[in-house]
Amino acid sequence: MLFKQQALLRQKLFVLGSLAIGSLLYLVARVGSLDRLQPLCPIDGRFGPRSQDDIPLRALQFKRGLLHEFRKGNATKEQIRLHNLVQQLPKAIIIGVRKGGTRALLEMLNLHPAVVKASQEIHFFDNDENYAKGIEWYRKKMPFSYPHQITIEKSPAYFITEEVPERIYKMNSSIKLLIIVREPTTRAISDYTQVLEGKERKNKTYYKFEKLAIDPNTCEVNTKYKAVRTSIYTKHLERWLKYFPIEQFHIVDGDRLITEPLPELQLVEKFLNLPPRISQYNLYFNATRGFYCLRFNIVFNKCLAGSKGRIHPEVDTSVITKLRKFFHPFNQKFYQITGRTFNWP
């Protein structure tokens, strides 16, 4: 009898302990969610002075679940009004480059409480059909945010599409533009690898990288191959400089973002006039994935999609040498224009 009573008591204590732990985790998740979703402070500088109506972080009763409803379009107008939420045009855009690390950069910047990201690539400025729908269509594609937060979107095709600089200039001539680059030959091979994987999923054959990158008639670099053209960064940047001064661009080192992300993110915070909020706590190395993952709080972590960090196929070393020699003068000019030097071969 005594043994049964003791067993029953232990069972009750276990249940109570579980409930206590569960309640604690809920509170931690709620507080962490508030920390993540609410701006810690207003945005200074070009993004406007502090508003007298700014609400302190702890007073903001905003949940991830509610934000999810907003994104699905299920929120009522009354809910949106009560939370003082708006859909804003972006004050900064990651315009490129493809396979430079645009998704990683966007997700990492989203760690900052004053930044709200558009989850999908909008392709407004590079797609004629989308652009014809007008600026209101574009704005309604943006996530809900507080008025003093920065909305950021990324569409890497913007960097190489001829019409885009003028179109963005007409929307906002003072917008801030982020370009993330990697060593040009590595980027071109990564570009090829992504396309190759797509072909293989559809059981289609595809040329080897060497055959695409080198013109078989001249044995020189094939500048008609899109993966090669995209890596000639200076050619595309010069087109943008016809509309925007270099001061409105910030160049992010995509190779360094992989190995040492925090210093790169701190440079972007400074460029966007954001108070420093992203710390080493928010970034942890995942040895299994071989990449840094994101920590929003003690409960909520996030790693990039498994498609990131694809293994590149082996490429003939003579082709790699030829490509690096080809890109070298363009790289030097890129360093000169941007004022940022990279240790590219």
Foldseek 3Di string as FASTA:
>chain_A
DVVVVVVVVVVVVVVVVVVVVVVVVVVQQQVLQLQLAAAQAFFDDPLDDGDPPDDHSVVQNDGPVVLVCVLVVNDDPVVCVVNQKAQDDALEEAQDDPQLCPVVLQVLLSLHNLEDEQPDAPCQQQDPVNVVVDPVSVSVSGGIGHSRGGYYYYDNVLLVRLRNLVVVCVVPLLGAYEYGHEQLVVSLLVVVVVVCVVCVVVVHDDDDPCPQQAPPVVRAGDCVRPSLVSSLNLVSVVSNCVRHPLLRYDYAHSVCCFVPVPVRSVVVCVSSSHDDDDDVVQWDADPVLSGIWGDSGPPDTGDDDSVPPDDGDDDPVVSVVSSLVVSVVSLVVVCVRNVDHDPHD
